[in-house]
PDB file of N, CA and C in Angstrom:
ATOM      1  N   UNK A   1       0.814  -1.194   0.000  1.00  0.00           N
ATOM      2  CA  UNK A   1       0.000   0.000   0.000  1.00  0.00           C
ATOM      3  C   UNK A   1       0.862   1.264   0.000  1.00  0.00           C
ATOM      4  N   UNK A   2       1.929   1.262   0.793  1.00  0.00           N
ATOM      5  CA  UNK A   2       2.799   2.427   0.866  1.00  0.00           C
ATOM      6  C   UNK A   2       3.454   2.696  -0.480  1.00  0.00           C
ATOM      7  N   UNK A   3       3.815   1.643  -1.190  1.00  0.00           N
ATOM      8  CA  UNK A   3       4.478   1.788  -2.481  1.00  0.00           C
ATOM      9  C   UNK A   3       3.534   2.424  -3.500  1.00  0.00           C
ATOM     10  N   UNK A   4       2.280   2.016  -3.486  1.00  0.00           N
ATOM     11  CA  UNK A   4       1.297   2.569  -4.416  1.00  0.00           C
ATOM     12  C   UNK A   4       1.083   4.049  -4.123  1.00  0.00           C
ATOM     13  N   UNK A   5       0.964   4.406  -2.857  1.00  0.00           N
ATOM     14  CA  UNK A   5       0.774   5.799  -2.478  1.00  0.00           C
ATOM     15  C   UNK A   5       1.979   6.641  -2.869  1.00  0.00           C
ATOM     16  N   UNK A   6       3.168   6.104  -2.663  1.00  0.00           N
ATOM     17  CA  UNK A   6       4.396   6.823  -3.026  1.00  0.00           C
ATOM     18  C   UNK A   6       4.464   7.037  -4.540  1.00  0.00           C
ATOM     19  N   UNK A   7       4.083   6.013  -5.314  1.00  0.00           N
ATOM     20  CA  UNK A   7       4.071   6.147  -6.769  1.00  0.00           C
ATOM     21  C   UNK A   7       3.055   7.185  -7.230  1.00  0.00           C
ATOM     22  N   UNK A   8       1.896   7.212  -6.592  1.00  0.00           N
ATOM     23  CA  UNK A   8       0.872   8.186  -6.952  1.00  0.00           C
ATOM     24  C   UNK A   8       1.355   9.606  -6.678  1.00  0.00           C
ATOM     25  N   UNK A   9       2.010   9.801  -5.554  1.00  0.00           N
ATOM     26  CA  UNK A   9       2.531  11.125  -5.214  1.00  0.00           C
ATOM     27  C   UNK A   9       3.601  11.543  -6.213  1.00  0.00           C
ATOM     28  N   UNK A  10       4.512  10.631  -6.527  1.00  0.00           N
ATOM     29  CA  UNK A  10       5.581  10.935  -7.481  1.00  0.00           C
ATOM     30  C   UNK A  10       5.026  11.226  -8.874  1.00  0.00           C
ATOM     31  N   UNK A  11       4.039  10.454  -9.304  1.00  0.00           N
ATOM     32  CA  UNK A  11       3.449  10.661 -10.626  1.00  0.00           C
ATOM     33  C   UNK A  11       2.729  11.998 -10.704  1.00  0.00           C
ATOM     34  N   UNK A  12       1.999  12.339  -9.652  1.00  0.00           N
ATOM     35  CA  UNK A  12       1.289  13.618  -9.616  1.00  0.00           C
ATOM     36  C   UNK A  12       2.269  14.774  -9.717  1.00  0.00           C
ATOM     37  N   UNK A  13       3.339  14.687  -8.958  1.00  0.00           N
ATOM     38  CA  UNK A  13       4.340  15.748  -8.981  1.00  0.00           C
ATOM     39  C   UNK A  13       5.010  15.838 -10.346  1.00  0.00           C
ATOM     40  N   UNK A  14       5.338  14.696 -10.914  1.00  0.00           N
ATOM     41  CA  UNK A  14       6.021  14.684 -12.215  1.00  0.00           C
ATOM     42  C   UNK A  14       5.130  15.258 -13.315  1.00  0.00           C
ATOM     43  N   UNK A  15       3.857  14.900 -13.316  1.00  0.00           N
ATOM     44  CA  UNK A  15       2.928  15.415 -14.321  1.00  0.00           C
ATOM     45  C   UNK A  15       2.774  16.925 -14.182  1.00  0.00           C
ATOM     46  N   UNK A  16       2.635  17.401 -12.957  1.00  0.00           N
ATOM     47  CA  UNK A  16       2.505  18.841 -12.734  1.00  0.00           C
ATOM     48  C   UNK A  16       3.768  19.575 -13.182  1.00  0.00           C
ATOM     49  N   UNK A  17       4.935  19.013 -12.883  1.00  0.00           N
ATOM     50  CA  UNK A  17       6.193  19.632 -13.312  1.00  0.00           C
ATOM     51  C   UNK A  17       6.294  19.701 -14.827  1.00  0.00           C
ATOM     52  N   UNK A  18       5.895  18.632 -15.508  1.00  0.00           N
ATOM     53  CA  UNK A  18       5.955  18.621 -16.970  1.00  0.00           C
ATOM     54  C   UNK A  18       5.015  19.655 -17.577  1.00  0.00           C
ATOM     55  N   UNK A  19       3.796  19.748 -17.037  1.00  0.00           N
ATOM     56  CA  UNK A  19       2.843  20.717 -17.567  1.00  0.00           C
ATOM     57  C   UNK A  19       3.303  22.148 -17.310  1.00  0.00           C
ATOM     58  N   UNK A  20       3.874  22.398 -16.135  1.00  0.00           N
ATOM     59  CA  UNK A  20       4.384  23.736 -15.847  1.00  0.00           C
ATOM     60  C   UNK A  20       5.594  24.072 -16.716  1.00  0.00           C
ATOM     61  N   UNK A  21       6.423  23.081 -16.975  1.00  0.00           N
ATOM     62  CA  UNK A  21       7.579  23.298 -17.839  1.00  0.00           C
ATOM     63  C   UNK A  21       7.132  23.643 -19.252  1.00  0.00           C
ATOM     64  N   UNK A  22       6.135  22.923 -19.747  1.00  0.00           N
ATOM     65  CA  UNK A  22       5.595  23.207 -21.083  1.00  0.00           C
ATOM     66  C   UNK A  22       4.976  24.598 -21.109  1.00  0.00           C
ATOM     67  N   UNK A  23       4.269  24.965 -20.062  1.00  0.00           N
ATOM     68  CA  UNK A  23       3.671  26.291 -19.959  1.00  0.00           C
ATOM     69  C   UNK A  23       4.752  27.371 -19.985  1.00  0.00           C
ATOM     70  N   UNK A  24       5.839  27.120 -19.291  1.00  0.00           N
ATOM     71  CA  UNK A  24       6.941  28.081 -19.237  1.00  0.00           C
ATOM     72  C   UNK A  24       7.577  28.265 -20.613  1.00  0.00           C
ATOM     73  N   UNK A  25       7.777  27.170 -21.342  1.00  0.00           N
ATOM     74  CA  UNK A  25       8.411  27.275 -22.658  1.00  0.00           C
ATOM     75  C   UNK A  25       7.459  27.879 -23.698  1.00  0.00           C
ATOM     76  N   UNK A  26       6.161  27.617 -23.571  1.00  0.00           N
ATOM     77  CA  UNK A  26       5.193  28.181 -24.521  1.00  0.00           C
ATOM     78  C   UNK A  26       5.031  29.682 -24.325  1.00  0.00           C
ATOM     79  N   UNK A  27       5.219  30.128 -23.113  1.00  0.00           N
ATOM     80  CA  UNK A  27       5.120  31.559 -22.823  1.00  0.00           C
ATOM     81  C   UNK A  27       3.731  32.101 -23.073  1.00  0.00           C
ATOM     82  N   UNK A  28       3.663  33.130 -23.875  1.00  0.00           N
ATOM     83  CA  UNK A  28       2.391  33.805 -24.128  1.00  0.00           C
ATOM     84  C   UNK A  28       1.428  32.930 -24.938  1.00  0.00           C
ATOM     85  N   UNK A  29       1.949  31.943 -25.624  1.00  0.00           N
ATOM     86  CA  UNK A  29       1.115  31.048 -26.442  1.00  0.00           C
ATOM     87  C   UNK A  29       0.552  29.872 -25.647  1.00  0.00           C
ATOM     88  N   UNK A  30       0.793  29.827 -24.368  1.00  0.00           N
ATOM     89  CA  UNK A  30       0.315  28.724 -23.537  1.00  0.00           C
ATOM     90  C   UNK A  30      -1.205  28.763 -23.426  1.00  0.00           C
ATOM     91  N   UNK A  31      -1.805  27.594 -23.382  1.00  0.00           N
ATOM     92  CA  UNK A  31      -3.256  27.498 -23.301  1.00  0.00           C
ATOM     93  C   UNK A  31      -3.758  27.359 -21.865  1.00  0.00           C
ATOM     94  N   UNK A  32      -2.841  27.332 -20.902  1.00  0.00           N
ATOM     95  CA  UNK A  32      -3.238  27.208 -19.507  1.00  0.00           C
ATOM     96  C   UNK A  32      -3.658  28.567 -18.952  1.00  0.00           C
ATOM     97  N   UNK A  33      -4.729  28.558 -18.177  1.00  0.00           N
ATOM     98  CA  UNK A  33      -5.147  29.787 -17.514  1.00  0.00           C
ATOM     99  C   UNK A  33      -4.343  29.954 -16.228  1.00  0.00           C
ATOM    100  N   UNK A  34      -4.445  31.108 -15.633  1.00  0.00           N
ATOM    101  CA  UNK A  34      -3.725  31.376 -14.392  1.00  0.00           C
ATOM    102  C   UNK A  34      -4.218  30.456 -13.277  1.00  0.00           C
ATOM    103  N   UNK A  35      -5.496  30.087 -13.325  1.00  0.00           N
ATOM    104  CA  UNK A  35      -6.062  29.195 -12.312  1.00  0.00           C
ATOM    105  C   UNK A  35      -5.522  27.771 -12.463  1.00  0.00           C
ATOM    106  N   UNK A  36      -5.360  27.327 -13.700  1.00  0.00           N
ATOM    107  CA  UNK A  36      -4.797  25.995 -13.935  1.00  0.00           C
ATOM    108  C   UNK A  36      -3.337  25.940 -13.497  1.00  0.00           C
ATOM    109  N   UNK A  37      -2.594  27.009 -13.759  1.00  0.00           N
ATOM    110  CA  UNK A  37      -1.188  27.064 -13.332  1.00  0.00           C
ATOM    111  C   UNK A  37      -1.103  27.053 -11.818  1.00  0.00           C
ATOM    112  N   UNK A  38      -1.962  27.830 -11.166  1.00  0.00           N
ATOM    113  CA  UNK A  38      -1.970  27.857  -9.701  1.00  0.00           C
ATOM    114  C   UNK A  38      -2.331  26.486  -9.137  1.00  0.00           C
ATOM    115  N   UNK A  39      -3.267  25.796  -9.770  1.00  0.00           N
ATOM    116  CA  UNK A  39      -3.653  24.458  -9.319  1.00  0.00           C
ATOM    117  C   UNK A  39      -2.484  23.483  -9.466  1.00  0.00           C
ATOM    118  N   UNK A  40      -1.747  23.570 -10.569  1.00  0.00           N
ATOM    119  CA  UNK A  40      -0.583  22.700 -10.762  1.00  0.00           C
ATOM    120  C   UNK A  40       0.486  22.978  -9.714  1.00  0.00           C
ATOM    121  N   UNK A  41       0.706  24.246  -9.405  1.00  0.00           N
ATOM    122  CA  UNK A  41       1.694  24.590  -8.389  1.00  0.00           C
ATOM    123  C   UNK A  41       1.256  24.073  -7.015  1.00  0.00           C
ATOM    124  N   UNK A  42      -0.038  24.165  -6.715  1.00  0.00           N
ATOM    125  CA  UNK A  42      -0.553  23.630  -5.459  1.00  0.00           C
ATOM    126  C   UNK A  42      -0.386  22.116  -5.393  1.00  0.00           C
ATOM    127  N   UNK A  43      -0.595  21.447  -6.524  1.00  0.00           N
ATOM    128  CA  UNK A  43      -0.421  19.994  -6.563  1.00  0.00           C
ATOM    129  C   UNK A  43       1.018  19.619  -6.235  1.00  0.00           C
ATOM    130  N   UNK A  44       1.964  20.378  -6.769  1.00  0.00           N
ATOM    131  CA  UNK A  44       3.373  20.099  -6.496  1.00  0.00           C
ATOM    132  C   UNK A  44       3.697  20.316  -5.022  1.00  0.00           C
ATOM    133  N   UNK A  45       3.181  21.390  -4.448  1.00  0.00           N
ATOM    134  CA  UNK A  45       3.436  21.673  -3.034  1.00  0.00           C
ATOM    135  C   UNK A  45       2.820  20.602  -2.139  1.00  0.00           C
ATOM    136  N   UNK A  46       1.588  20.177  -2.484  1.00  0.00           N
ATOM    137  CA  UNK A  46       0.938  19.122  -1.697  1.00  0.00           C
ATOM    138  C   UNK A  46       1.703  17.813  -1.784  1.00  0.00           C
ATOM    139  N   UNK A  47       2.207  17.493  -2.957  1.00  0.00           N
ATOM    140  CA  UNK A  47       2.985  16.263  -3.129  1.00  0.00           C
ATOM    141  C   UNK A  47       4.251  16.315  -2.282  1.00  0.00           C
ATOM    142  N   UNK A  48       4.907  17.472  -2.238  1.00  0.00           N
ATOM    143  CA  UNK A  48       6.112  17.619  -1.417  1.00  0.00           C
ATOM    144  C   UNK A  48       5.789  17.456   0.063  1.00  0.00           C
ATOM    145  N   UNK A  49       4.707  18.060   0.529  1.00  0.00           N
ATOM    146  CA  UNK A  49       4.375  17.949   1.952  1.00  0.00           C
ATOM    147  C   UNK A  49       3.979  16.518   2.306  1.00  0.00           C
ATOM    148  N   UNK A  50       3.301  15.830   1.383  1.00  0.00           N
ATOM    149  CA  UNK A  50       2.927  14.438   1.648  1.00  0.00           C
ATOM    150  C   UNK A  50       4.171  13.564   1.718  1.00  0.00           C
ATOM    151  N   UNK A  51       5.166  13.838   0.870  1.00  0.00           N
ATOM    152  CA  UNK A  51       6.420  13.086   0.912  1.00  0.00           C
ATOM    153  C   UNK A  51       7.136  13.309   2.236  1.00  0.00           C
ATOM    154  N   UNK A  52       7.170  14.556   2.693  1.00  0.00           N
ATOM    155  CA  UNK A  52       7.844  14.884   3.948  1.00  0.00           C
ATOM    156  C   UNK A  52       7.129  14.238   5.135  1.00  0.00           C
ATOM    157  N   UNK A  53       5.800  14.209   5.095  1.00  0.00           N
ATOM    158  CA  UNK A  53       5.047  13.587   6.180  1.00  0.00           C
ATOM    159  C   UNK A  53       5.310  12.092   6.240  1.00  0.00           C
ATOM    160  N   UNK A  54       5.472  11.469   5.090  1.00  0.00           N
ATOM    161  CA  UNK A  54       5.724  10.026   5.062  1.00  0.00           C
ATOM    162  C   UNK A  54       7.113   9.703   5.598  1.00  0.00           C
ATOM    163  N   UNK A  55       8.057  10.625   5.470  1.00  0.00           N
ATOM    164  CA  UNK A  55       9.416  10.382   5.947  1.00  0.00           C
ATOM    165  C   UNK A  55       9.539  10.566   7.459  1.00  0.00           C
ATOM    166  N   UNK A  56       8.638  11.330   8.064  1.00  0.00           N
ATOM    167  CA  UNK A  56       8.708  11.555   9.498  1.00  0.00           C
ATOM    168  C   UNK A  56       8.107  10.357  10.232  1.00  0.00           C
ATOM    169  N   UNK A  57       8.704   9.982  11.343  1.00  0.00           N
ATOM    170  CA  UNK A  57       8.160   8.842  12.081  1.00  0.00           C
ATOM    171  C   UNK A  57       6.800   9.177  12.690  1.00  0.00           C
ATOM    172  N   UNK A  58       5.957   8.198  12.708  1.00  0.00           N
ATOM    173  CA  UNK A  58       4.627   8.354  13.266  1.00  0.00           C
ATOM    174  C   UNK A  58       4.692   8.158  14.776  1.00  0.00           C
ATOM    175  N   UNK A  59       4.034   9.014  15.543  1.00  0.00           N
ATOM    176  CA  UNK A  59       4.082   8.916  17.006  1.00  0.00           C
ATOM    177  C   UNK A  59       3.442   7.611  17.478  1.00  0.00           C
ATOM    178  N   UNK A  60       2.396   7.168  16.794  1.00  0.00           N
ATOM    179  CA  UNK A  60       1.721   5.946  17.225  1.00  0.00           C
ATOM    180  C   UNK A  60       2.567   4.711  16.928  1.00  0.00           C
ATOM    181  N   UNK A  61       3.388   4.800  15.917  1.00  0.00           N
ATOM    182  CA  UNK A  61       4.273   3.691  15.593  1.00  0.00           C
ATOM    183  C   UNK A  61       5.294   3.493  16.725  1.00  0.00           C
ATOM    184  N   UNK A  62       5.827   4.594  17.243  1.00  0.00           N
ATOM    185  CA  UNK A  62       6.813   4.478  18.311  1.00  0.00           C
ATOM    186  C   UNK A  62       6.187   4.042  19.630  1.00  0.00           C
ATOM    187  N   UNK A  63       4.942   4.399  19.856  1.00  0.00           N
ATOM    188  CA  UNK A  63       4.251   3.988  21.092  1.00  0.00           C
ATOM    189  C   UNK A  63       3.991   2.488  21.061  1.00  0.00           C
ATOM    190  N   UNK A  64       3.739   1.949  19.879  1.00  0.00           N
ATOM    191  CA  UNK A  64       3.447   0.520  19.772  1.00  0.00           C
ATOM    192  C   UNK A  64       4.630  -0.336  20.204  1.00  0.00           C
ATOM    193  N   UNK A  65       5.826   0.183  20.074  1.00  0.00           N
ATOM    194  CA  UNK A  65       7.009  -0.581  20.476  1.00  0.00           C
ATOM    195  C   UNK A  65       7.234  -0.550  21.978  1.00  0.00           C
ATOM    196  N   UNK A  66       6.608   0.368  22.687  1.00  0.00           N
ATOM    197  CA  UNK A  66       6.811   0.453  24.153  1.00  0.00           C
ATOM    198  C   UNK A  66       6.074  -0.598  24.907  1.00  0.00           C
TER     199      UNK A  66
END
């Protein structure tokens, strides 16, 4: 289950990065609206925070060992 979630987070981030990169290179000819760009940036930030949360130890996990 953890592997699937990690892959989903990585894929979401990668897709958002690719779309933003294409938007950046297209410049004024880009078909993305400002709202779509903001949504992609939010997706990237959420993916990063989810990755960081997964790396931090869970308090309940450590209590279970006591």
